[in-house]
Amino acid sequence: MNDSGSGGHYYWCTRHHRVETDADVCPAKHVLGPYPSAADAENALQKVQERNEAWEAEDARWAGEGN
């Protein structure tokens, strides 16, 4: 990962539904990231959904073990 120079990080803007770079990024409350590539940023919401589903399944597993 290259931190020097502009465009080194990419973000997914939940307000504008687009990839943004260090040079033109919305406030932190509107973005996910940073990501090392534009493709990673573009897939951010999918990754969030996958993680949420995994965590919900884990919570359900734990709740089932306690009964």
Protein backbone atom coordinates (compact mmCIF):
# COMPACT_ATOMS: atom_id res chain seq x y z
CA MET A 1 0.00 0.00 0.00
CA ASN A 2 1.34 3.37 -0.95
CA ASP A 3 0.64 6.23 1.47
CA SER A 4 2.65 8.82 -0.41
CA GLY A 5 1.05 10.97 -3.07
CA SER A 6 -2.59 11.69 -3.78
CA GLY A 7 -5.14 9.02 -4.47
CA GLY A 8 -3.48 6.50 -2.15
CA HIS A 9 -6.73 5.69 -0.39
CA TYR A 10 -10.24 5.09 -1.62
CA TYR A 11 -13.53 5.48 0.23
CA TRP A 12 -17.15 4.56 -0.40
CA CYS A 13 -19.40 7.57 0.13
CA THR A 14 -22.78 6.51 1.53
CA ARG A 15 -24.18 9.95 0.75
CA HIS A 16 -23.25 10.10 -2.95
CA HIS A 17 -23.02 6.33 -3.61
CA ARG A 18 -19.62 6.59 -5.28
CA VAL A 19 -15.93 5.94 -4.77
CA GLU A 20 -13.97 8.94 -3.50
CA THR A 21 -10.24 9.52 -3.04
CA ASP A 22 -8.12 11.38 -0.51
CA ALA A 23 -8.21 14.38 -2.86
CA ASP A 24 -12.02 14.64 -2.80
CA VAL A 25 -13.54 12.81 0.16
CA CYS A 26 -16.71 13.67 2.08
CA PRO A 27 -16.69 13.99 5.89
CA ALA A 28 -15.95 10.78 7.79
CA LYS A 29 -19.58 10.35 8.87
CA HIS A 30 -20.49 9.71 5.22
CA VAL A 31 -17.72 7.32 4.15
CA LEU A 32 -16.49 3.78 4.63
CA GLY A 33 -12.79 3.16 4.38
CA PRO A 34 -10.05 3.77 3.60
CA TYR A 35 -9.53 0.94 1.15
CA PRO A 36 -6.39 0.19 -0.86
CA SER A 37 -8.19 0.16 -4.23
CA ALA A 38 -11.21 1.66 -5.93
CA ALA A 39 -12.63 -1.84 -6.44
CA ASP A 40 -12.42 -2.57 -2.71
CA ALA A 41 -14.20 0.70 -1.95
CA GLU A 42 -16.87 -0.03 -4.55
CA ASN A 43 -17.57 -3.38 -2.86
CA ALA A 44 -17.66 -1.91 0.66
CA LEU A 45 -21.42 -2.25 1.17
CA GLN A 46 -21.35 -5.88 0.05
CA LYS A 47 -18.55 -6.59 2.53
CA VAL A 48 -20.50 -4.85 5.31
CA GLN A 49 -23.57 -6.97 4.51
CA GLU A 50 -21.52 -10.19 4.52
CA ARG A 51 -19.96 -9.32 7.88
CA ASN A 52 -23.33 -8.38 9.39
CA GLU A 53 -24.84 -11.68 8.25
CA ALA A 54 -21.90 -13.61 9.73
CA TRP A 55 -22.19 -11.75 13.04
CA GLU A 56 -25.97 -12.32 13.17
CA ALA A 57 -25.45 -16.04 12.53
CA GLU A 58 -22.84 -16.14 15.29
CA ASP A 59 -25.21 -14.32 17.68
CA ALA A 60 -27.96 -16.83 16.85
CA ARG A 61 -25.56 -19.71 17.45
CA TRP A 62 -24.61 -18.31 20.84
CA ALA A 63 -28.26 -17.72 21.78
CA GLY A 64 -29.10 -21.33 20.83
CA GLU A 65 -26.29 -22.74 22.96
CA GLY A 66 -27.57 -20.97 26.06
CA ASN A 67 -31.00 -22.65 25.95
